[in-house]
């Protein structure tokens, strides 16, 4: 790994901004339906169909807990997503402060190990969500 110069503020693709705004709008609509009219909406289609949590279940509640100033509670809702968000925020802060971004040279074995580690982390997180009853 080496660090290379990069713009301090990265350009965001328009599709990513649109997807994030659509997700926020959907969550606001669900919250309004539940709070104002008492309509219970399962925001997770997977959980609604199977009764079991998906690997990202608890992410909305984790975001609300973070916004309320409760990072530990957010971590308990979905540890993997909160840890990934913290890592992304740290990377963004490093890039904004230094104007450098890491570049990795992946070998075939290194790439396979990274994919395996990511899959193991997702499965471990999913097992935690099943056990915790999220």
Protein backbone atom coordinates (compact mmCIF):
# COMPACT_ATOMS: atom_id res chain seq x y z
CA UNK A 1 0.00 0.00 0.00
CA UNK A 2 1.17 3.48 -0.78
CA UNK A 3 -0.44 6.89 -0.46
CA UNK A 4 -1.01 8.98 -3.59
CA UNK A 5 -2.23 12.57 -3.95
CA UNK A 6 -5.97 13.00 -4.49
CA UNK A 7 -8.48 15.86 -4.38
CA UNK A 8 -9.31 16.61 -0.75
CA UNK A 9 -13.04 16.30 -1.42
CA UNK A 10 -13.88 13.39 -3.73
CA UNK A 11 -16.55 13.78 -6.40
CA UNK A 12 -19.69 11.87 -5.61
CA UNK A 13 -21.41 10.07 -8.50
CA UNK A 14 -24.88 11.43 -9.20
CA UNK A 15 -26.39 7.93 -8.93
CA UNK A 16 -24.97 7.52 -5.41
CA UNK A 17 -26.41 10.85 -4.26
CA UNK A 18 -29.79 9.97 -5.83
CA UNK A 19 -29.80 6.52 -4.20
CA UNK A 20 -28.97 7.97 -0.78
CA UNK A 21 -31.69 10.61 -1.08
CA UNK A 22 -34.22 7.98 -2.17
CA UNK A 23 -33.32 5.81 0.80
CA UNK A 24 -33.72 8.73 3.20
CA UNK A 25 -37.07 9.64 1.62
CA UNK A 26 -38.26 6.03 1.99
CA UNK A 27 -37.26 5.93 5.65
CA UNK A 28 -39.01 9.25 6.34
CA UNK A 29 -42.16 7.93 4.63
CA UNK A 30 -42.07 4.75 6.74
CA UNK A 31 -41.59 6.78 9.93
CA UNK A 32 -44.52 9.05 9.01
CA UNK A 33 -46.78 6.08 8.27
CA UNK A 34 -45.91 4.48 11.60
CA UNK A 35 -46.07 7.59 13.80
CA UNK A 36 -48.92 9.59 12.29
CA UNK A 37 -51.34 6.95 11.08
CA UNK A 38 -50.36 3.89 13.11
CA UNK A 39 -49.65 1.83 9.99
CA UNK A 40 -46.95 -0.71 10.73
CA UNK A 41 -44.57 -1.11 7.82
CA UNK A 42 -41.72 -3.59 7.81
CA UNK A 43 -38.84 -1.61 6.25
CA UNK A 44 -36.95 -4.84 5.57
CA UNK A 45 -38.58 -6.88 2.82
CA UNK A 46 -36.42 -9.92 3.65
CA UNK A 47 -37.51 -9.89 7.30
CA UNK A 48 -41.11 -9.27 6.30
CA UNK A 49 -41.09 -12.34 4.04
CA UNK A 50 -38.98 -14.74 6.12
CA UNK A 51 -39.30 -13.48 9.69
CA UNK A 52 -35.50 -13.48 9.96
CA UNK A 53 -33.13 -10.49 9.82
CA UNK A 54 -31.13 -9.71 6.70
CA UNK A 55 -27.41 -8.83 6.99
CA UNK A 56 -28.26 -5.11 7.11
CA UNK A 57 -31.18 -5.29 9.56
CA UNK A 58 -30.88 -2.70 12.29
CA UNK A 59 -29.06 -0.21 10.07
CA UNK A 60 -31.85 2.38 10.24
CA UNK A 61 -32.13 2.03 14.02
CA UNK A 62 -28.34 2.25 14.26
CA UNK A 63 -28.37 5.49 12.24
CA UNK A 64 -31.08 6.91 14.49
CA UNK A 65 -29.09 5.90 17.58
CA UNK A 66 -25.97 7.60 16.17
CA UNK A 67 -27.98 10.74 15.38
CA UNK A 68 -29.24 10.70 18.97
CA UNK A 69 -25.69 10.51 20.33
CA UNK A 70 -25.71 6.84 21.34
CA UNK A 71 -22.81 5.18 19.48
CA UNK A 72 -22.76 2.02 21.63
CA UNK A 73 -26.49 1.46 21.09
CA UNK A 74 -25.93 1.96 17.36
CA UNK A 75 -23.12 -0.60 17.43
CA UNK A 76 -25.43 -3.10 19.14
CA UNK A 77 -28.06 -2.69 16.40
CA UNK A 78 -25.65 -3.62 13.59
CA UNK A 79 -21.95 -3.86 14.49
CA UNK A 80 -20.61 -4.43 10.98
CA UNK A 81 -22.33 -1.46 9.38
CA UNK A 82 -21.41 0.91 12.22
CA UNK A 83 -17.77 -0.25 12.12
CA UNK A 84 -17.69 0.10 8.32
CA UNK A 85 -19.20 3.58 8.58
CA UNK A 86 -16.61 4.60 11.18
CA UNK A 87 -13.81 3.29 8.98
CA UNK A 88 -15.19 5.16 5.96
CA UNK A 89 -15.52 8.37 7.99
CA UNK A 90 -11.92 8.01 9.21
CA UNK A 91 -10.73 7.48 5.64
CA UNK A 92 -12.65 10.51 4.44
CA UNK A 93 -11.27 12.65 7.28
CA UNK A 94 -7.72 11.49 6.50
CA UNK A 95 -8.16 12.33 2.82
CA UNK A 96 -9.70 15.74 3.59
CA UNK A 97 -6.89 16.59 6.03
CA UNK A 98 -3.91 15.34 3.99
CA UNK A 99 -5.01 15.22 0.36
CA UNK A 100 -3.73 11.63 0.18
CA UNK A 101 -5.58 8.39 -0.51
CA UNK A 102 -4.30 4.82 -0.15
CA UNK A 103 -3.65 2.69 -3.22
CA UNK A 104 -3.43 -1.06 -2.84
CA UNK A 105 -1.59 -3.48 -5.08
CA UNK A 106 -3.54 -6.69 -4.78
CA UNK A 107 -2.05 -10.07 -5.49
CA UNK A 108 -4.39 -12.90 -6.42
CA UNK A 109 -3.94 -14.44 -2.96
CA UNK A 110 -4.40 -11.10 -1.22
CA UNK A 111 -7.61 -10.43 -3.12
CA UNK A 112 -8.95 -13.92 -2.29
CA UNK A 113 -8.07 -13.42 1.38
CA UNK A 114 -9.82 -10.03 1.44
CA UNK A 115 -12.97 -11.49 -0.15
CA UNK A 116 -12.92 -14.38 2.33
CA UNK A 117 -12.45 -12.00 5.30
CA UNK A 118 -15.31 -9.78 4.09
CA UNK A 119 -17.62 -12.77 3.61
CA UNK A 120 -16.69 -14.08 7.07
CA UNK A 121 -17.41 -10.67 8.62
CA UNK A 122 -20.83 -10.46 6.91
CA UNK A 123 -21.73 -14.00 8.04
CA UNK A 124 -20.56 -13.34 11.61
CA UNK A 125 -22.59 -10.11 11.69
CA UNK A 126 -25.62 -11.95 10.31
CA UNK A 127 -25.25 -14.65 13.00
CA UNK A 128 -25.09 -11.90 15.64
CA UNK A 129 -28.30 -10.34 14.27
CA UNK A 130 -30.07 -13.72 14.40
CA UNK A 131 -28.90 -14.29 17.98
CA UNK A 132 -29.75 -10.79 19.21
CA UNK A 133 -33.23 -10.90 17.70
CA UNK A 134 -32.92 -7.66 15.74
